[in-house]
Protein backbone atom coordinates (compact mmCIF):
# COMPACT_ATOMS: atom_id res chain seq x y z
CA MET A 1 -5.55 10.19 -17.71
CA ASN A 2 -3.03 12.71 -18.98
CA LEU A 3 -4.90 15.81 -17.90
CA PRO A 4 -4.53 19.03 -19.90
CA ALA A 5 -5.13 21.78 -17.33
CA ASN A 6 -7.04 24.68 -18.82
CA TYR A 7 -7.41 28.11 -17.30
CA PRO A 8 -9.96 29.89 -19.49
CA THR A 9 -9.00 33.37 -18.28
CA PRO A 10 -5.94 34.96 -16.67
CA GLU A 11 -8.12 35.53 -13.61
CA HIS A 12 -8.64 31.78 -13.20
CA LEU A 13 -4.90 31.18 -13.33
CA THR A 14 -4.14 33.99 -10.88
CA ALA A 15 -6.75 32.67 -8.46
CA VAL A 16 -5.27 29.15 -8.63
CA GLU A 17 -1.80 30.43 -7.88
CA THR A 18 -3.11 32.57 -5.02
CA VAL A 19 -4.85 29.61 -3.39
CA ARG A 20 -1.81 27.40 -3.89
CA ARG A 21 0.57 29.89 -2.29
CA PHE A 22 -1.78 30.63 0.61
CA PHE A 23 -2.19 27.04 1.74
CA SER A 24 1.25 25.66 0.88
CA ALA A 25 2.97 28.45 2.81
CA ASN A 26 0.78 28.44 5.90
CA TYR A 27 -0.68 25.00 6.62
CA PRO A 28 0.50 21.37 6.86
CA VAL A 29 -1.75 20.13 4.06
CA ASP A 30 -0.81 17.03 2.09
CA ALA A 31 -1.88 18.10 -1.39
CA ILE A 32 -3.56 20.91 -3.28
CA LEU A 33 -5.54 19.52 -6.21
CA LEU A 34 -7.23 21.05 -9.21
CA VAL A 35 -10.41 19.11 -10.06
CA ASN A 36 -13.36 19.05 -12.45
CA SER A 37 -13.53 21.15 -15.63
CA CYS A 38 -10.28 23.09 -15.31
CA ALA A 39 -8.32 19.93 -14.48
CA ARG A 40 -9.70 18.17 -17.57
CA GLY A 41 -9.23 21.10 -19.97
CA LYS A 42 -12.98 21.66 -20.36
CA ALA A 43 -13.52 24.96 -18.52
CA THR A 44 -14.97 28.17 -19.93
CA ARG A 45 -14.86 31.70 -18.55
CA ASP A 46 -18.13 30.99 -16.70
CA SER A 47 -16.71 27.91 -14.99
CA CYS A 48 -16.05 27.87 -11.27
CA LEU A 49 -12.57 26.99 -10.09
CA ASP A 50 -12.85 23.68 -8.25
CA MET A 51 -10.03 22.68 -5.92
CA ASN A 52 -9.51 20.07 -3.20
CA LEU A 53 -7.25 20.38 -0.17
CA LEU A 54 -6.17 16.93 0.94
CA VAL A 55 -5.31 16.44 4.62
CA ARG A 56 -4.54 13.16 6.37
CA PRO A 57 -7.39 11.99 8.62
CA GLU A 58 -5.33 12.20 11.81
CA ARG A 59 -4.72 15.93 11.24
CA PHE A 60 -8.01 16.79 9.61
CA LYS A 61 -10.16 17.29 12.73
CA LEU A 62 -7.52 19.44 14.36
CA LEU A 63 -7.07 21.62 11.29
CA LEU A 64 -10.53 21.81 9.75
CA HIS A 65 -11.94 24.72 11.75
CA GLN A 66 -8.78 26.76 11.28
CA LEU A 67 -8.65 26.00 7.56
CA GLU A 68 -12.29 26.90 6.98
CA THR A 69 -12.21 30.05 9.11
CA GLU A 70 -8.98 31.50 7.79
CA TRP A 71 -9.75 30.59 4.20
CA ALA A 72 -13.14 32.33 4.45
CA GLU A 73 -11.46 35.50 5.73
CA PHE A 74 -8.74 35.36 3.09
CA GLU A 75 -11.17 34.70 0.24
CA LYS A 76 -13.49 37.51 1.34
CA SER A 77 -10.74 40.14 1.59
CA ASN A 78 -8.57 39.28 -1.43
CA PRO A 79 -9.31 41.26 -4.64
CA VAL A 80 -8.01 38.37 -6.76
CA PHE A 81 -11.22 36.47 -6.09
CA ARG A 82 -13.44 39.46 -6.82
CA ALA A 83 -11.65 39.79 -10.15
CA LEU A 84 -12.39 36.13 -10.88
CA GLU A 85 -16.07 36.64 -10.12
CA GLY A 86 -16.13 39.47 -12.65
CA VAL A 87 -15.10 37.40 -15.66
CA GLY A 88 -17.99 34.92 -15.76
CA LYS A 89 -21.44 34.29 -14.37
CA TYR A 90 -20.36 31.46 -12.07
CA ALA A 91 -16.62 32.08 -11.94
CA GLN A 92 -15.59 31.68 -8.32
CA VAL A 93 -13.37 29.45 -6.20
CA HIS A 94 -15.07 26.31 -4.91
CA LEU A 95 -12.74 24.74 -2.35
CA ASP A 96 -13.35 21.42 -0.60
CA PHE A 97 -11.32 20.01 2.30
CA ILE A 98 -11.03 16.22 1.98
CA VAL A 99 -9.35 13.40 3.91
CA GLY A 100 -9.21 10.77 1.17
CA ALA A 101 -11.34 8.28 3.12
CA PHE A 102 -13.63 6.73 0.51
CA ALA A 103 -16.47 4.37 1.43
CA PRO A 104 -19.88 3.41 0.00
CA GLU A 105 -22.64 5.62 1.33
CA GLU A 106 -25.94 4.87 3.01
CA ARG A 107 -28.77 5.06 0.50
CA ASP A 108 -32.36 4.02 -0.09
CA PHE A 109 -34.28 2.82 -3.12
CA THR A 110 -35.43 6.28 -4.19
CA SER A 111 -32.26 8.33 -3.74
CA GLY A 112 -30.45 7.51 -6.98
CA PRO A 113 -26.79 6.51 -7.18
CA ASP A 114 -24.41 7.16 -4.31
CA GLY A 115 -21.18 9.10 -4.77
CA PHE A 116 -18.60 6.41 -3.96
CA GLU A 117 -17.06 5.98 -7.43
CA LEU A 118 -17.53 9.66 -8.23
CA GLY A 119 -15.57 10.67 -5.14
CA ILE A 120 -12.60 8.47 -5.98
CA GLY A 121 -12.64 9.40 -9.65
CA ASN A 122 -12.73 13.15 -9.21
CA ALA A 123 -10.29 13.24 -6.28
CA LEU A 124 -7.72 10.82 -7.70
CA ALA A 125 -8.27 9.68 -11.30
CA TYR A 126 -9.21 13.07 -12.78
CA SER A 127 -7.43 15.49 -10.44
CA LEU A 128 -4.32 17.51 -11.17
CA PRO A 129 -1.88 18.05 -8.26
CA LEU A 130 -0.76 21.67 -7.94
CA TRP A 131 1.35 21.13 -4.83
CA LEU A 132 2.33 18.07 -2.79
CA GLY A 133 3.30 18.31 0.85
CA SER A 134 3.71 14.58 1.48
CA ASP A 135 3.34 11.16 -0.16
CA TYR A 136 -0.29 10.81 0.94
CA TYR A 137 -1.77 11.62 -2.50
CA ALA A 138 0.50 9.01 -4.09
CA GLU A 139 -0.48 6.48 -1.42
CA LEU A 140 -4.17 7.00 -2.16
CA LYS A 141 -3.63 6.65 -5.89
CA ALA A 142 -1.70 3.42 -5.37
CA LYS A 143 -4.57 2.07 -3.24
CA TRP A 144 -7.52 3.05 -5.44
CA LEU A 145 -6.19 3.20 -9.01
CA PRO A 146 -6.68 1.95 -11.61
CA PHE A 147 -9.77 0.58 -9.81
CA TYR A 148 -10.74 -0.91 -6.47
CA ASN A 149 -10.49 -4.64 -5.76
CA GLU A 150 -12.51 -7.32 -7.54
CA GLU A 151 -14.43 -8.48 -4.46
CA LEU A 152 -15.75 -4.99 -3.82
CA ARG A 153 -16.42 -4.48 -7.52
CA ALA A 154 -18.60 -7.61 -7.74
CA GLU A 155 -20.51 -6.54 -4.62
CA ARG A 156 -20.99 -2.98 -5.89
CA LEU A 157 -22.17 -4.09 -9.32
CA LYS A 158 -24.72 -6.45 -7.78
CA ILE A 159 -26.08 -3.76 -5.47
CA VAL A 160 -26.29 -1.06 -8.14
CA ARG A 161 -28.13 -3.43 -10.50
CA ILE A 162 -30.67 -4.18 -7.76
CA TYR A 163 -31.35 -0.48 -7.19
CA CYS A 164 -31.58 0.21 -10.90
CA LEU A 165 -34.03 -2.63 -11.54
CA ASN A 166 -36.09 -1.63 -8.52
CA ASN A 167 -36.62 1.82 -10.01
CA LEU A 168 -37.39 0.46 -13.47
CA HIS A 169 -39.89 -2.12 -12.22
CA HIS A 170 -41.83 0.52 -10.27
CA ILE A 171 -42.49 2.58 -13.40
CA PRO A 172 -45.28 0.44 -14.93
CA LEU A 173 -47.10 0.34 -11.59
CA TYR A 174 -46.93 4.11 -11.15
CA SER A 175 -47.96 4.67 -14.76
CA GLN A 176 -51.13 2.65 -14.20
CA ARG A 177 -51.96 4.98 -11.32
CA GLY A 178 -51.31 8.12 -13.36
CA LEU A 179 -48.25 9.07 -11.27
CA TYR A 180 -46.24 10.27 -14.23
CA TYR A 181 -43.90 12.61 -12.38
CA GLN A 182 -42.90 9.74 -10.11
CA CYS A 183 -42.38 7.61 -13.23
CA PHE A 184 -40.02 10.23 -14.62
CA ASP A 185 -38.15 10.51 -11.34
CA ARG A 186 -37.70 6.73 -11.22
CA LEU A 187 -36.56 6.68 -14.86
CA TYR A 188 -33.96 9.38 -14.26
CA ASN A 189 -32.60 7.62 -11.16
CA ALA A 190 -32.47 4.30 -13.00
CA TYR A 191 -30.67 5.90 -15.93
CA ARG A 192 -28.02 7.30 -13.56
CA GLU A 193 -27.74 3.94 -11.80
CA PHE A 194 -27.24 2.30 -15.18
CA LEU A 195 -24.33 4.68 -15.80
CA GLN A 196 -22.92 3.81 -12.39
CA ALA A 197 -23.14 0.08 -13.17
CA LEU A 198 -21.64 0.66 -16.61
CA PHE A 199 -18.49 2.22 -15.17
CA ILE A 200 -18.17 -0.40 -12.44
CA ALA A 201 -18.49 -3.18 -15.00
CA ARG A 202 -15.66 -1.66 -17.03
CA ARG A 203 -13.41 -0.85 -14.07
CA ILE A 204 -13.31 2.86 -14.89
CA TYR A 205 -14.19 5.72 -12.56
CA PRO A 206 -16.93 8.14 -13.69
CA ILE A 207 -16.85 11.93 -13.68
CA ALA A 208 -20.57 12.58 -13.22
CA TYR A 209 -23.93 10.98 -13.93
CA ASP A 210 -25.72 14.17 -14.94
CA LYS A 211 -23.20 15.98 -17.19
CA TRP A 212 -20.25 15.31 -19.50
CA ILE A 213 -22.17 12.23 -20.65
CA ARG A 214 -20.94 12.30 -24.26
CA GLU A 215 -17.33 12.75 -23.13
CA GLN A 216 -17.57 9.85 -20.72
CA ILE A 217 -19.44 7.39 -22.93
CA VAL A 218 -17.72 8.18 -26.23
CA GLU A 219 -14.21 9.29 -25.24
CA ILE A 220 -13.52 7.53 -21.93
CA LEU A 221 -15.50 4.30 -22.34
CA GLY A 222 -15.23 4.20 -26.14
CA LEU A 223 -18.93 3.33 -26.65
CA PRO A 224 -20.30 5.72 -29.28
CA ALA A 225 -23.07 3.31 -30.27
CA LEU A 226 -24.33 3.29 -26.68
CA TYR A 227 -24.39 7.08 -26.54
CA SER A 228 -26.71 7.21 -29.54
CA GLN A 229 -29.11 4.96 -27.60
CA LEU A 230 -28.93 7.05 -24.43
CA ALA A 231 -29.50 10.45 -25.97
CA HIS A 232 -33.18 9.88 -26.84
CA LEU A 233 -34.27 8.33 -23.53
CA PHE A 234 -35.69 11.62 -22.29
CA GLU A 235 -37.28 12.69 -25.57
CA ILE A 236 -40.86 12.20 -24.43
CA ARG A 237 -43.58 13.43 -26.75
CA ARG A 238 -46.52 12.90 -24.41
CA PHE A 239 -45.71 13.01 -20.73
CA GLU A 240 -49.01 11.64 -19.38
CA SER A 241 -48.89 8.37 -21.28
CA PRO A 242 -47.30 4.90 -21.06
CA GLU A 243 -44.34 6.26 -23.04
CA ILE A 244 -42.10 6.34 -19.96
CA VAL A 245 -42.83 2.63 -19.46
CA LYS A 246 -41.31 1.99 -22.88
CA LYS A 247 -38.27 4.05 -21.94
CA ALA A 248 -37.88 1.98 -18.77
CA ARG A 249 -37.81 -1.21 -20.85
CA GLU A 250 -35.07 0.30 -23.01
CA VAL A 251 -32.94 1.12 -19.95
CA GLU A 252 -33.40 -2.43 -18.64
CA GLN A 253 -32.30 -3.86 -22.00
CA LEU A 254 -29.18 -1.68 -21.89
CA LEU A 255 -28.49 -2.75 -18.32
CA GLU A 256 -28.59 -6.43 -19.28
CA GLN A 257 -26.56 -5.87 -22.44
CA TYR A 258 -23.77 -3.75 -20.96
CA THR A 259 -23.70 -4.77 -17.28
CA PRO A 260 -24.68 -8.44 -17.03
CA LYS A 261 -24.93 -10.16 -13.66
CA GLN A 262 -21.66 -12.03 -14.13
CA VAL A 263 -18.82 -9.83 -15.35
CA GLY A 264 -15.36 -11.20 -16.13
């Protein structure tokens, strides 16, 4: 993506520059990245300022304590960050230290989607480099973009479909027992797993499974007709009824239509 960085207030921009100067001048970090809403030109004055500091794994353990400790002291004492907090309800710096080691996560059948594709997408596909101290960021992008390898993709799609169907097929059983809150929880997890499978099937990294849904489905995936089908899934008129069972069938139909077992 050609990312249009957006700083909704002068305080956001000043805070970004302050963070960039602090780390680039004092530490052997490999990259300073702007991520999330500001990186994609979607931020408002209430948005937090999300940034990633990328450090090679071999240096990360040695540096992490120093980075966290000295950043906490700097952030607490610098008036630039208090000024940022004053412009919006949630305007603050959110800084993550990352190594760029991406791997599928341990999960169970009730936890919802893992963060594997989200981690790669937000760190590499949708990030905006503010400073580069080495070629490591470029190396990671060359490895993971535009998408990971086909063998892993087929494996991931198969696994995500299994988890999604497991959630969907539990819903009728729980509905019969009057466990409607568990039905809703299963429906929400299955819906997010469907989104995960949808992006894997199309070889595109997601941004999130619980926000920016219209942007991702309509603008990134180019599926406006699908979005119109998703939007009503959680419009439930009577909660304690078999209505959620019907919604589960709709999600399963979408799963089979948009993420079939065999994908070319």
